[in-house]
Amino acid sequence: MRLAALVACCLIHAPARAGTLQGQVRVPAAPRAAAAVQAYAGRASSLPAPAREVRGRVTDAIVSIDALPAGVDTLLPAARERARLTQKDQSFQPRVVAVARGERVDFPNLDPIFHNVFSVSPAKRFDLGKYPRPESKSVRFDKPGVVNVYCDIHADMNAWIVVLPNRAFARPDPSGHYRLPELPAGRYKLRWWHPDFAGGEREVTVSATGDVTADVEF
């Protein structure tokens, strides 16, 4: 009898599952290589042919839900492995990393030269110092926001870590399609962000069944 009551209580308070929110992300122009930047003179060696930063990729966009009902975030799937922002070819790869609040990011150095990782962003200030290949360091991100990451040895290195308040976020694939995790029926605020274009937000409604389409345009 007690067990039946407990199961009934859990069913009452568990959020109803529903369809997923998905759609197409569109950016205004084709990806383009950024102009080369001279590394800081006299600080340390640079690679003879560093990677050129490419801007405007649709895969650098982040689509997310601003807030979730209580208890829903713990039901969403966690990342399969810890996020990595690799130092390779005198660049940060990938250019954009997205994590949920409380998760850690690894910063491995795969180059034959020293690198540094630091940020002065209000969401997270840190400086990992200089370290060589194959060392790796990590940082935990506890506050939602956008964290700009740099190397104080090479001025041409920069990246973004987007810390989201929950796990309801997605990156579009190369075709621009995104798909968020399954959410309970209700109204939500959908946000979209990109390092090269102005972001936006709007309210969306997730129905009790089936997928809901919400296209995003920068």
N, C-alpha and C. Protein backbone atom coordinates (compact mmCIF):
# COMPACT_ATOMS: atom_id res chain seq x y z
N MET A 1 0.83 -1.20 0.00
CA MET A 1 0.00 0.00 0.00
C MET A 1 0.86 1.25 0.00
N ARG A 2 1.89 1.27 0.88
CA ARG A 2 2.79 2.43 0.92
C ARG A 2 3.54 2.59 -0.39
N LEU A 3 3.97 1.45 -1.00
CA LEU A 3 4.69 1.49 -2.25
C LEU A 3 3.82 2.07 -3.36
N ALA A 4 2.57 1.65 -3.41
CA ALA A 4 1.65 2.16 -4.42
C ALA A 4 1.45 3.66 -4.27
N ALA A 5 1.34 4.11 -3.03
CA ALA A 5 1.17 5.55 -2.80
C ALA A 5 2.40 6.33 -3.23
N LEU A 6 3.60 5.75 -2.97
CA LEU A 6 4.84 6.42 -3.35
C LEU A 6 4.96 6.53 -4.86
N VAL A 7 4.62 5.45 -5.57
CA VAL A 7 4.68 5.47 -7.04
C VAL A 7 3.70 6.49 -7.59
N ALA A 8 2.49 6.54 -7.03
CA ALA A 8 1.49 7.50 -7.50
C ALA A 8 1.97 8.93 -7.28
N CYS A 9 2.61 9.17 -6.14
CA CYS A 9 3.12 10.51 -5.84
C CYS A 9 4.18 10.91 -6.84
N CYS A 10 5.09 9.97 -7.15
CA CYS A 10 6.16 10.26 -8.11
C CYS A 10 5.60 10.58 -9.48
N LEU A 11 4.53 9.83 -9.88
CA LEU A 11 3.93 10.07 -11.18
C LEU A 11 3.26 11.42 -11.25
N ILE A 12 2.66 11.85 -10.13
CA ILE A 12 1.98 13.15 -10.11
C ILE A 12 2.99 14.28 -10.26
N HIS A 13 4.14 14.16 -9.57
CA HIS A 13 5.10 15.27 -9.56
C HIS A 13 6.11 15.20 -10.70
N ALA A 14 6.20 14.06 -11.40
CA ALA A 14 7.13 13.98 -12.52
C ALA A 14 6.62 14.82 -13.68
N PRO A 15 7.47 15.59 -14.34
CA PRO A 15 7.04 16.42 -15.46
C PRO A 15 6.63 15.55 -16.64
N ALA A 16 5.50 15.92 -17.30
CA ALA A 16 5.05 15.17 -18.47
C ALA A 16 6.03 15.37 -19.60
N ARG A 17 6.38 14.27 -20.28
CA ARG A 17 7.30 14.37 -21.40
C ARG A 17 6.55 14.78 -22.64
N ALA A 18 7.27 15.31 -23.60
CA ALA A 18 6.62 15.79 -24.80
C ALA A 18 7.57 15.66 -25.98
N GLY A 19 7.23 16.32 -27.07
CA GLY A 19 8.07 16.30 -28.25
C GLY A 19 9.29 17.18 -28.07
N THR A 20 10.11 17.23 -29.10
CA THR A 20 11.34 18.03 -29.06
C THR A 20 11.19 19.29 -29.90
N LEU A 21 12.00 20.26 -29.55
CA LEU A 21 12.04 21.51 -30.29
C LEU A 21 13.21 21.43 -31.25
N GLN A 22 12.96 21.65 -32.53
CA GLN A 22 14.00 21.56 -33.53
C GLN A 22 13.74 22.59 -34.63
N GLY A 23 14.74 22.82 -35.47
CA GLY A 23 14.55 23.79 -36.53
C GLY A 23 15.83 24.03 -37.30
N GLN A 24 15.83 25.08 -38.09
CA GLN A 24 16.94 25.43 -38.96
C GLN A 24 17.55 26.75 -38.52
N VAL A 25 18.88 26.79 -38.43
CA VAL A 25 19.61 28.02 -38.11
C VAL A 25 20.19 28.58 -39.39
N ARG A 26 19.98 29.87 -39.62
CA ARG A 26 20.51 30.53 -40.82
C ARG A 26 21.40 31.70 -40.42
N VAL A 27 22.57 31.78 -41.05
CA VAL A 27 23.49 32.89 -40.83
C VAL A 27 23.54 33.73 -42.10
N PRO A 28 23.90 35.02 -42.00
CA PRO A 28 23.75 35.93 -43.15
C PRO A 28 24.76 35.79 -44.27
N ALA A 29 25.88 35.13 -44.03
CA ALA A 29 26.90 35.09 -45.08
C ALA A 29 27.68 33.79 -45.00
N ALA A 30 28.45 33.51 -46.05
CA ALA A 30 29.29 32.32 -46.08
C ALA A 30 30.46 32.49 -45.12
N PRO A 31 30.98 31.40 -44.54
CA PRO A 31 32.15 31.49 -43.65
C PRO A 31 33.33 32.16 -44.34
N ARG A 32 34.12 32.91 -43.59
CA ARG A 32 35.25 33.63 -44.16
C ARG A 32 36.42 33.57 -43.20
N ALA A 33 37.63 33.54 -43.74
CA ALA A 33 38.83 33.51 -42.92
C ALA A 33 39.13 34.91 -42.39
N ALA A 34 39.48 35.01 -41.13
CA ALA A 34 39.82 36.29 -40.53
C ALA A 34 41.21 36.72 -40.99
N ALA A 35 41.46 38.02 -40.94
CA ALA A 35 42.78 38.53 -41.30
C ALA A 35 43.81 38.03 -40.31
N ALA A 36 45.02 37.77 -40.81
CA ALA A 36 46.09 37.28 -39.94
C ALA A 36 46.49 38.35 -38.93
N VAL A 37 46.78 37.91 -37.71
CA VAL A 37 47.20 38.82 -36.64
C VAL A 37 48.61 38.46 -36.22
N GLN A 38 49.49 39.44 -36.12
CA GLN A 38 50.86 39.18 -35.70
C GLN A 38 50.88 38.81 -34.22
N ALA A 39 51.56 37.72 -33.90
CA ALA A 39 51.67 37.31 -32.51
C ALA A 39 52.44 38.36 -31.72
N TYR A 40 52.25 38.36 -30.40
CA TYR A 40 52.94 39.32 -29.55
C TYR A 40 54.45 39.21 -29.75
N ALA A 41 55.06 40.29 -30.09
CA ALA A 41 56.50 40.28 -30.39
C ALA A 41 57.33 40.01 -29.14
N GLY A 42 58.29 39.11 -29.26
CA GLY A 42 59.26 38.89 -28.19
C GLY A 42 58.77 38.06 -27.03
N ARG A 43 57.55 37.54 -27.08
CA ARG A 43 57.03 36.78 -25.95
C ARG A 43 57.42 35.31 -26.01
N ALA A 44 57.24 34.69 -27.18
CA ALA A 44 57.55 33.27 -27.32
C ALA A 44 57.49 32.91 -28.80
N SER A 45 57.89 31.71 -29.13
CA SER A 45 57.90 31.28 -30.52
C SER A 45 56.49 31.11 -31.05
N SER A 46 56.37 31.23 -32.37
CA SER A 46 55.10 31.00 -33.05
C SER A 46 55.31 29.95 -34.12
N LEU A 47 54.22 29.31 -34.52
CA LEU A 47 54.30 28.33 -35.58
C LEU A 47 54.48 29.05 -36.92
N PRO A 48 55.20 28.43 -37.88
CA PRO A 48 55.43 29.09 -39.16
C PRO A 48 54.16 29.30 -39.96
N ALA A 49 53.16 28.44 -39.77
CA ALA A 49 51.90 28.56 -40.53
C ALA A 49 50.73 28.27 -39.60
N PRO A 50 50.39 29.20 -38.71
CA PRO A 50 49.27 28.98 -37.78
C PRO A 50 47.94 28.91 -38.52
N ALA A 51 46.98 28.24 -37.92
CA ALA A 51 45.65 28.13 -38.51
C ALA A 51 44.99 29.50 -38.58
N ARG A 52 44.22 29.74 -39.63
CA ARG A 52 43.47 30.99 -39.78
C ARG A 52 42.08 30.81 -39.19
N GLU A 53 41.68 31.74 -38.35
CA GLU A 53 40.34 31.69 -37.76
C GLU A 53 39.29 31.89 -38.84
N VAL A 54 38.28 31.03 -38.85
CA VAL A 54 37.18 31.14 -39.80
C VAL A 54 35.94 31.63 -39.07
N ARG A 55 35.37 32.71 -39.56
CA ARG A 55 34.20 33.32 -38.92
C ARG A 55 32.94 33.08 -39.74
N GLY A 56 31.81 33.11 -39.07
CA GLY A 56 30.53 33.00 -39.75
C GLY A 56 30.02 31.59 -39.94
N ARG A 57 30.65 30.60 -39.34
CA ARG A 57 30.17 29.22 -39.48
C ARG A 57 28.85 29.04 -38.73
N VAL A 58 27.92 28.34 -39.35
CA VAL A 58 26.64 28.08 -38.68
C VAL A 58 26.84 27.17 -37.48
N THR A 59 27.87 26.33 -37.51
CA THR A 59 28.12 25.40 -36.40
C THR A 59 28.65 26.09 -35.15
N ASP A 60 28.98 27.39 -35.22
CA ASP A 60 29.40 28.13 -34.04
C ASP A 60 28.21 28.70 -33.27
N ALA A 61 27.01 28.51 -33.77
CA ALA A 61 25.81 29.02 -33.09
C ALA A 61 25.42 28.11 -31.92
N ILE A 62 24.77 28.72 -30.93
CA ILE A 62 24.22 27.98 -29.79
C ILE A 62 22.74 28.33 -29.68
N VAL A 63 21.88 27.31 -29.62
CA VAL A 63 20.45 27.50 -29.42
C VAL A 63 20.10 26.89 -28.07
N SER A 64 19.41 27.64 -27.22
CA SER A 64 19.18 27.16 -25.86
C SER A 64 17.84 27.62 -25.31
N ILE A 65 17.43 26.97 -24.22
CA ILE A 65 16.22 27.34 -23.49
C ILE A 65 16.65 28.10 -22.24
N ASP A 66 16.03 29.25 -21.99
CA ASP A 66 16.44 30.13 -20.91
C ASP A 66 16.21 29.52 -19.53
N ALA A 67 15.05 28.91 -19.31
CA ALA A 67 14.73 28.36 -17.99
C ALA A 67 13.84 27.14 -18.16
N LEU A 68 13.97 26.20 -17.20
CA LEU A 68 13.19 24.96 -17.23
C LEU A 68 12.38 24.81 -15.94
N PRO A 69 11.28 24.06 -15.98
CA PRO A 69 10.55 23.78 -14.74
C PRO A 69 11.44 23.03 -13.75
N ALA A 70 11.14 23.16 -12.49
CA ALA A 70 11.93 22.51 -11.44
C ALA A 70 12.03 21.01 -11.67
N GLY A 71 13.24 20.50 -11.55
CA GLY A 71 13.47 19.07 -11.66
C GLY A 71 13.67 18.54 -13.06
N VAL A 72 13.40 19.34 -14.08
CA VAL A 72 13.50 18.85 -15.45
C VAL A 72 14.95 18.69 -15.89
N ASP A 73 15.81 19.62 -15.48
CA ASP A 73 17.20 19.59 -15.96
C ASP A 73 17.90 18.28 -15.62
N THR A 74 17.60 17.72 -14.44
CA THR A 74 18.26 16.47 -14.04
C THR A 74 17.80 15.29 -14.88
N LEU A 75 16.69 15.43 -15.59
CA LEU A 75 16.19 14.35 -16.44
C LEU A 75 16.79 14.39 -17.85
N LEU A 76 17.38 15.51 -18.21
CA LEU A 76 17.95 15.64 -19.55
C LEU A 76 19.30 14.92 -19.62
N PRO A 77 19.65 14.37 -20.79
CA PRO A 77 20.91 13.62 -20.91
C PRO A 77 22.12 14.51 -20.68
N ALA A 78 23.08 14.00 -19.92
CA ALA A 78 24.33 14.72 -19.69
C ALA A 78 25.28 14.50 -20.88
N ALA A 79 26.30 15.34 -20.97
CA ALA A 79 27.28 15.19 -22.04
C ALA A 79 27.99 13.84 -21.91
N ARG A 80 28.27 13.20 -23.03
CA ARG A 80 28.91 11.88 -23.00
C ARG A 80 30.35 11.96 -22.49
N GLU A 81 31.02 13.06 -22.75
CA GLU A 81 32.39 13.24 -22.28
C GLU A 81 32.63 14.71 -21.98
N ARG A 82 33.67 15.00 -21.21
CA ARG A 82 33.95 16.37 -20.80
C ARG A 82 34.35 17.21 -22.01
N ALA A 83 33.90 18.45 -22.02
CA ALA A 83 34.21 19.37 -23.12
C ALA A 83 35.70 19.67 -23.18
N ARG A 84 36.21 19.87 -24.38
CA ARG A 84 37.63 20.16 -24.59
C ARG A 84 37.77 21.40 -25.48
N LEU A 85 38.68 22.29 -25.10
CA LEU A 85 39.08 23.41 -25.95
C LEU A 85 40.58 23.22 -26.19
N THR A 86 40.90 22.63 -27.32
CA THR A 86 42.26 22.19 -27.62
C THR A 86 43.09 23.33 -28.20
N GLN A 87 44.34 23.38 -27.81
CA GLN A 87 45.30 24.32 -28.40
C GLN A 87 46.08 23.56 -29.47
N LYS A 88 45.77 23.84 -30.73
CA LYS A 88 46.35 23.10 -31.84
C LYS A 88 46.51 24.02 -33.05
N ASP A 89 47.67 23.91 -33.73
CA ASP A 89 47.98 24.75 -34.89
C ASP A 89 47.87 26.24 -34.54
N GLN A 90 48.31 26.56 -33.34
CA GLN A 90 48.27 27.93 -32.81
C GLN A 90 46.87 28.53 -32.91
N SER A 91 45.90 27.74 -32.48
CA SER A 91 44.51 28.18 -32.44
C SER A 91 43.78 27.36 -31.39
N PHE A 92 42.65 27.87 -30.94
CA PHE A 92 41.77 27.10 -30.06
C PHE A 92 40.77 26.35 -30.94
N GLN A 93 40.64 25.06 -30.70
CA GLN A 93 39.74 24.23 -31.48
C GLN A 93 38.88 23.38 -30.54
N PRO A 94 37.53 23.46 -30.69
CA PRO A 94 36.77 24.29 -31.61
C PRO A 94 36.75 25.75 -31.17
N ARG A 95 36.26 26.60 -32.03
CA ARG A 95 36.22 28.03 -31.73
C ARG A 95 35.21 28.35 -30.62
N VAL A 96 34.15 27.57 -30.54
CA VAL A 96 33.09 27.77 -29.54
C VAL A 96 32.84 26.45 -28.81
N VAL A 97 32.76 26.52 -27.49
CA VAL A 97 32.40 25.38 -26.65
C VAL A 97 31.20 25.78 -25.81
N ALA A 98 30.22 24.88 -25.71
CA ALA A 98 29.04 25.13 -24.88
C ALA A 98 28.96 24.08 -23.78
N VAL A 99 28.73 24.52 -22.55
CA VAL A 99 28.60 23.61 -21.42
C VAL A 99 27.46 24.08 -20.52
N ALA A 100 26.92 23.17 -19.74
CA ALA A 100 25.94 23.53 -18.73
C ALA A 100 26.65 24.01 -17.48
N ARG A 101 26.01 24.85 -16.72
CA ARG A 101 26.57 25.36 -15.47
C ARG A 101 27.04 24.22 -14.57
N GLY A 102 28.25 24.37 -14.02
CA GLY A 102 28.80 23.36 -13.14
C GLY A 102 29.72 22.37 -13.82
N GLU A 103 29.79 22.38 -15.16
CA GLU A 103 30.64 21.45 -15.87
C GLU A 103 32.06 22.00 -16.04
N ARG A 104 33.01 21.10 -16.30
CA ARG A 104 34.41 21.47 -16.50
C ARG A 104 34.77 21.41 -17.98
N VAL A 105 35.81 22.16 -18.34
CA VAL A 105 36.36 22.14 -19.70
C VAL A 105 37.85 21.85 -19.60
N ASP A 106 38.33 20.92 -20.43
CA ASP A 106 39.75 20.61 -20.50
C ASP A 106 40.42 21.48 -21.55
N PHE A 107 41.70 21.85 -21.28
CA PHE A 107 42.47 22.69 -22.19
C PHE A 107 43.81 22.01 -22.52
N PRO A 108 43.81 20.97 -23.36
CA PRO A 108 45.06 20.30 -23.70
C PRO A 108 45.87 21.09 -24.72
N ASN A 109 47.20 21.09 -24.56
CA ASN A 109 48.10 21.72 -25.53
C ASN A 109 48.66 20.62 -26.43
N LEU A 110 48.33 20.66 -27.72
CA LEU A 110 48.81 19.68 -28.67
C LEU A 110 49.86 20.25 -29.62
N ASP A 111 50.31 21.48 -29.37
CA ASP A 111 51.31 22.12 -30.22
C ASP A 111 52.72 21.91 -29.67
N PRO A 112 53.75 21.99 -30.54
CA PRO A 112 55.13 21.84 -30.08
C PRO A 112 55.70 23.12 -29.47
N ILE A 113 54.84 24.05 -29.08
CA ILE A 113 55.26 25.31 -28.46
C ILE A 113 54.41 25.53 -27.20
N PHE A 114 54.85 26.43 -26.35
CA PHE A 114 54.09 26.76 -25.14
C PHE A 114 52.84 27.56 -25.50
N HIS A 115 51.80 27.36 -24.71
CA HIS A 115 50.59 28.17 -24.82
C HIS A 115 50.15 28.56 -23.41
N ASN A 116 49.20 29.48 -23.37
CA ASN A 116 48.59 29.95 -22.13
C ASN A 116 47.10 30.05 -22.36
N VAL A 117 46.31 29.86 -21.32
CA VAL A 117 44.86 30.03 -21.42
C VAL A 117 44.42 30.95 -20.29
N PHE A 118 43.74 32.04 -20.65
CA PHE A 118 43.25 32.95 -19.61
C PHE A 118 41.97 33.62 -20.06
N SER A 119 41.24 34.17 -19.10
CA SER A 119 40.04 34.94 -19.38
C SER A 119 39.85 36.00 -18.30
N VAL A 120 39.35 37.15 -18.71
CA VAL A 120 38.99 38.20 -17.76
C VAL A 120 37.49 38.48 -17.82
N SER A 121 36.72 37.55 -18.35
CA SER A 121 35.28 37.71 -18.47
C SER A 121 34.62 37.65 -17.08
N PRO A 122 33.59 38.47 -16.83
CA PRO A 122 32.92 38.45 -15.53
C PRO A 122 32.36 37.08 -15.16
N ALA A 123 31.94 36.29 -16.14
CA ALA A 123 31.38 34.96 -15.84
C ALA A 123 32.43 34.00 -15.30
N LYS A 124 33.71 34.22 -15.65
CA LYS A 124 34.78 33.37 -15.13
C LYS A 124 36.13 34.01 -15.44
N ARG A 125 36.85 34.37 -14.39
CA ARG A 125 38.22 34.90 -14.53
C ARG A 125 39.20 33.82 -14.12
N PHE A 126 40.18 33.55 -14.97
CA PHE A 126 41.19 32.54 -14.63
C PHE A 126 42.42 32.73 -15.51
N ASP A 127 43.52 32.17 -15.07
CA ASP A 127 44.77 32.17 -15.84
C ASP A 127 45.50 30.87 -15.52
N LEU A 128 45.63 30.02 -16.51
CA LEU A 128 46.24 28.70 -16.31
C LEU A 128 47.76 28.72 -16.48
N GLY A 129 48.32 29.89 -16.78
CA GLY A 129 49.77 29.96 -16.95
C GLY A 129 50.22 29.31 -18.26
N LYS A 130 51.53 29.27 -18.45
CA LYS A 130 52.10 28.71 -19.67
C LYS A 130 52.44 27.24 -19.46
N TYR A 131 52.11 26.41 -20.44
CA TYR A 131 52.46 24.99 -20.33
C TYR A 131 52.67 24.39 -21.72
N PRO A 132 53.54 23.35 -21.82
CA PRO A 132 53.90 22.77 -23.11
C PRO A 132 53.04 21.56 -23.46
N ARG A 133 53.24 21.04 -24.65
CA ARG A 133 52.67 19.75 -25.04
C ARG A 133 53.35 18.65 -24.22
N PRO A 134 52.64 17.63 -23.75
CA PRO A 134 51.21 17.32 -23.94
C PRO A 134 50.37 17.64 -22.71
N GLU A 135 50.74 18.65 -21.95
CA GLU A 135 50.02 18.95 -20.71
C GLU A 135 48.60 19.44 -20.99
N SER A 136 47.73 19.24 -20.00
CA SER A 136 46.35 19.70 -20.09
C SER A 136 45.90 20.18 -18.72
N LYS A 137 45.13 21.24 -18.70
CA LYS A 137 44.56 21.75 -17.46
C LYS A 137 43.05 21.90 -17.65
N SER A 138 42.32 22.08 -16.57
CA SER A 138 40.87 22.18 -16.67
C SER A 138 40.33 23.26 -15.75
N VAL A 139 39.13 23.74 -16.08
CA VAL A 139 38.46 24.78 -15.30
C VAL A 139 36.99 24.41 -15.18
N ARG A 140 36.44 24.64 -14.00
CA ARG A 140 35.01 24.42 -13.76
C ARG A 140 34.27 25.75 -13.93
N PHE A 141 33.13 25.72 -14.62
CA PHE A 141 32.37 26.94 -14.90
C PHE A 141 31.04 26.88 -14.17
N ASP A 142 30.90 27.71 -13.14
CA ASP A 142 29.74 27.67 -12.25
C ASP A 142 28.72 28.77 -12.50
N LYS A 143 29.05 29.73 -13.36
CA LYS A 143 28.18 30.89 -13.56
C LYS A 143 27.80 31.00 -15.03
N PRO A 144 26.50 31.06 -15.36
CA PRO A 144 26.11 31.21 -16.76
C PRO A 144 26.64 32.51 -17.37
N GLY A 145 26.98 32.47 -18.63
CA GLY A 145 27.49 33.64 -19.32
C GLY A 145 28.45 33.24 -20.42
N VAL A 146 28.96 34.24 -21.13
CA VAL A 146 29.91 34.02 -22.21
C VAL A 146 31.31 34.34 -21.70
N VAL A 147 32.21 33.38 -21.85
CA VAL A 147 33.59 33.52 -21.37
C VAL A 147 34.52 33.61 -22.58
N ASN A 148 35.17 34.75 -22.74
CA ASN A 148 36.17 34.92 -23.81
C ASN A 148 37.49 34.36 -23.34
N VAL A 149 38.10 33.52 -24.16
CA VAL A 149 39.34 32.84 -23.81
C VAL A 149 40.46 33.28 -24.76
N TYR A 150 41.64 33.53 -24.19
CA TYR A 150 42.79 33.99 -24.98
C TYR A 150 44.06 33.26 -24.55
N CYS A 151 45.10 33.45 -25.35
CA CYS A 151 46.46 33.01 -25.01
C CYS A 151 47.32 34.26 -24.91
N ASP A 152 47.98 34.48 -23.76
CA ASP A 152 48.75 35.72 -23.62
C ASP A 152 50.09 35.65 -24.34
N ILE A 153 50.39 34.52 -24.98
CA ILE A 153 51.61 34.41 -25.77
C ILE A 153 51.34 34.73 -27.24
N HIS A 154 50.18 34.34 -27.73
CA HIS A 154 49.85 34.51 -29.14
C HIS A 154 48.55 35.30 -29.28
N ALA A 155 48.64 36.50 -29.84
CA ALA A 155 47.48 37.38 -29.94
C ALA A 155 46.45 36.89 -30.94
N ASP A 156 46.82 35.95 -31.80
CA ASP A 156 45.88 35.46 -32.80
C ASP A 156 45.02 34.32 -32.30
N MET A 157 45.10 34.00 -31.01
CA MET A 157 44.31 32.90 -30.45
C MET A 157 43.18 33.43 -29.58
N ASN A 158 41.96 33.07 -29.90
CA ASN A 158 40.82 33.42 -29.06
C ASN A 158 39.69 32.42 -29.31
N ALA A 159 38.84 32.27 -28.31
CA ALA A 159 37.71 31.34 -28.39
C ALA A 159 36.64 31.78 -27.41
N TRP A 160 35.51 31.08 -27.43
CA TRP A 160 34.39 31.39 -26.55
C TRP A 160 33.90 30.13 -25.86
N ILE A 161 33.63 30.25 -24.58
CA ILE A 161 32.96 29.19 -23.83
C ILE A 161 31.62 29.76 -23.38
N VAL A 162 30.54 29.16 -23.85
CA VAL A 162 29.20 29.62 -23.51
C VAL A 162 28.67 28.71 -22.40
N VAL A 163 28.46 29.28 -21.23
CA VAL A 163 27.98 28.52 -20.07
C VAL A 163 26.48 28.74 -19.96
N LEU A 164 25.72 27.67 -20.15
CA LEU A 164 24.26 27.74 -20.13
C LEU A 164 23.70 27.37 -18.76
N PRO A 165 22.51 27.88 -18.41
CA PRO A 165 21.94 27.61 -17.08
C PRO A 165 21.41 26.18 -16.92
N ASN A 166 21.30 25.43 -18.03
CA ASN A 166 20.78 24.07 -17.96
C ASN A 166 21.28 23.28 -19.18
N ARG A 167 20.83 22.04 -19.30
CA ARG A 167 21.30 21.17 -20.40
C ARG A 167 20.46 21.28 -21.67
N ALA A 168 19.45 22.13 -21.67
CA ALA A 168 18.58 22.26 -22.84
C ALA A 168 19.21 23.22 -23.85
N PHE A 169 20.22 22.73 -24.54
CA PHE A 169 20.86 23.54 -25.59
C PHE A 169 21.35 22.62 -26.69
N ALA A 170 21.67 23.21 -27.84
CA ALA A 170 22.12 22.41 -28.97
C ALA A 170 22.98 23.27 -29.89
N ARG A 171 23.87 22.58 -30.62
CA ARG A 171 24.65 23.19 -31.70
C ARG A 171 24.10 22.69 -33.02
N PRO A 172 23.90 23.56 -34.01
CA PRO A 172 23.44 23.07 -35.32
C PRO A 172 24.51 22.27 -36.03
N ASP A 173 24.08 21.34 -36.88
CA ASP A 173 25.02 20.59 -37.69
C ASP A 173 25.44 21.44 -38.89
N PRO A 174 26.35 20.97 -39.74
CA PRO A 174 26.82 21.80 -40.87
C PRO A 174 25.71 22.28 -41.81
N SER A 175 24.58 21.58 -41.83
CA SER A 175 23.47 22.03 -42.68
C SER A 175 22.62 23.09 -41.99
N GLY A 176 22.90 23.35 -40.70
CA GLY A 176 22.15 24.36 -39.95
C GLY A 176 21.03 23.79 -39.10
N HIS A 177 20.82 22.49 -39.13
CA HIS A 177 19.72 21.90 -38.36
C HIS A 177 20.12 21.70 -36.90
N TYR A 178 19.22 22.06 -35.98
CA TYR A 178 19.45 21.81 -34.55
C TYR A 178 18.27 21.03 -33.97
N ARG A 179 18.51 20.38 -32.85
CA ARG A 179 17.46 19.61 -32.17
C ARG A 179 17.75 19.63 -30.67
N LEU A 180 16.83 20.18 -29.89
CA LEU A 180 16.98 20.23 -28.44
C LEU A 180 16.49 18.93 -27.81
N PRO A 181 16.91 18.66 -26.56
CA PRO A 181 16.39 17.47 -25.87
C PRO A 181 14.89 17.57 -25.66
N GLU A 182 14.25 16.43 -25.45
CA GLU A 182 12.81 16.39 -25.21
C GLU A 182 12.46 17.18 -23.95
N LEU A 183 11.39 17.98 -24.03
CA LEU A 183 10.98 18.84 -22.92
C LEU A 183 9.51 18.63 -22.58
N PRO A 184 9.11 18.92 -21.34
CA PRO A 184 7.69 18.88 -20.98
C PRO A 184 6.91 19.93 -21.77
N ALA A 185 5.63 19.69 -21.98
CA ALA A 185 4.80 20.66 -22.67
C ALA A 185 4.77 21.98 -21.90
N GLY A 186 4.74 23.08 -22.62
CA GLY A 186 4.70 24.38 -21.96
C GLY A 186 5.30 25.47 -22.83
N ARG A 187 5.37 26.67 -22.26
CA ARG A 187 5.95 27.82 -22.97
C ARG A 187 7.37 28.06 -22.45
N TYR A 188 8.28 28.35 -23.37
CA TYR A 188 9.69 28.56 -23.03
C TYR A 188 10.24 29.76 -23.78
N LYS A 189 11.34 30.27 -23.27
CA LYS A 189 12.04 31.33 -23.97
C LYS A 189 13.23 30.71 -24.70
N LEU A 190 13.21 30.78 -26.02
CA LEU A 190 14.28 30.25 -26.86
C LEU A 190 15.30 31.36 -27.14
N ARG A 191 16.58 31.07 -26.91
CA ARG A 191 17.64 32.04 -27.16
C ARG A 191 18.60 31.48 -28.21
N TRP A 192 19.19 32.38 -29.00
CA TRP A 192 20.23 31.96 -29.93
C TRP A 192 21.40 32.94 -29.88
N TRP A 193 22.60 32.39 -29.99
CA TRP A 193 23.84 33.16 -29.82
C TRP A 193 24.86 32.73 -30.87
N HIS A 194 25.69 33.70 -31.31
CA HIS A 194 26.77 33.42 -32.25
C HIS A 194 27.87 34.45 -32.00
N PRO A 195 29.16 34.05 -32.05
CA PRO A 195 30.23 35.02 -31.77
C PRO A 195 30.36 36.13 -32.80
N ASP A 196 29.80 35.95 -33.99
CA ASP A 196 29.98 36.92 -35.06
C ASP A 196 28.73 37.72 -35.40
N PHE A 197 27.58 37.34 -34.86
CA PHE A 197 26.32 37.99 -35.21
C PHE A 197 25.50 38.27 -33.94
N ALA A 198 24.62 39.25 -34.04
CA ALA A 198 23.75 39.57 -32.91
C ALA A 198 22.76 38.43 -32.68
N GLY A 199 22.59 38.04 -31.43
CA GLY A 199 21.67 36.96 -31.08
C GLY A 199 20.26 37.47 -30.91
N GLY A 200 19.40 36.61 -30.39
CA GLY A 200 18.01 36.99 -30.19
C GLY A 200 17.30 36.01 -29.29
N GLU A 201 16.02 36.24 -29.09
CA GLU A 201 15.19 35.37 -28.26
C GLU A 201 13.74 35.53 -28.63
N ARG A 202 12.95 34.51 -28.36
CA ARG A 202 11.50 34.58 -28.55
C ARG A 202 10.85 33.44 -27.78
N GLU A 203 9.56 33.60 -27.52
CA GLU A 203 8.83 32.56 -26.81
C GLU A 203 8.37 31.49 -27.79
N VAL A 204 8.44 30.25 -27.32
CA VAL A 204 7.98 29.12 -28.12
C VAL A 204 7.10 28.23 -27.25
N THR A 205 6.22 27.49 -27.87
CA THR A 205 5.34 26.58 -27.15
C THR A 205 5.65 25.15 -27.57
N VAL A 206 5.93 24.30 -26.60
CA VAL A 206 6.14 22.88 -26.84
C VAL A 206 4.82 22.17 -26.55
N SER A 207 4.33 21.44 -27.53
CA SER A 207 3.04 20.76 -27.37
C SER A 207 3.22 19.46 -26.61
N ALA A 208 2.11 18.84 -26.26
CA ALA A 208 2.16 17.61 -25.47
C ALA A 208 2.70 16.43 -26.24
N THR A 209 2.60 16.49 -27.57
CA THR A 209 3.13 15.38 -28.39
C THR A 209 3.75 15.93 -29.66
N GLY A 210 4.70 15.20 -30.18
CA GLY A 210 5.28 15.54 -31.46
C GLY A 210 6.35 16.62 -31.40
N ASP A 211 7.02 16.81 -32.54
CA ASP A 211 8.07 17.83 -32.64
C ASP A 211 7.49 19.20 -32.92
N VAL A 212 8.20 20.22 -32.45
CA VAL A 212 7.83 21.61 -32.71
C VAL A 212 8.97 22.26 -33.47
N THR A 213 8.67 22.96 -34.55
CA THR A 213 9.69 23.59 -35.38
C THR A 213 9.81 25.07 -35.03
N ALA A 214 11.04 25.51 -34.77
CA ALA A 214 11.31 26.92 -34.51
C ALA A 214 12.61 27.28 -35.22
N ASP A 215 12.51 27.90 -36.39
CA ASP A 215 13.69 28.28 -37.14
C ASP A 215 14.30 29.55 -36.54
N VAL A 216 15.61 29.69 -36.71
CA VAL A 216 16.37 30.79 -36.13
C VAL A 216 17.18 31.45 -37.23
N GLU A 217 17.15 32.80 -37.26
CA GLU A 217 17.92 33.53 -38.27
C GLU A 217 18.71 34.65 -37.62
N PHE A 218 19.99 34.72 -37.90
CA PHE A 218 20.87 35.77 -37.37
C PHE A 218 20.89 36.95 -38.35
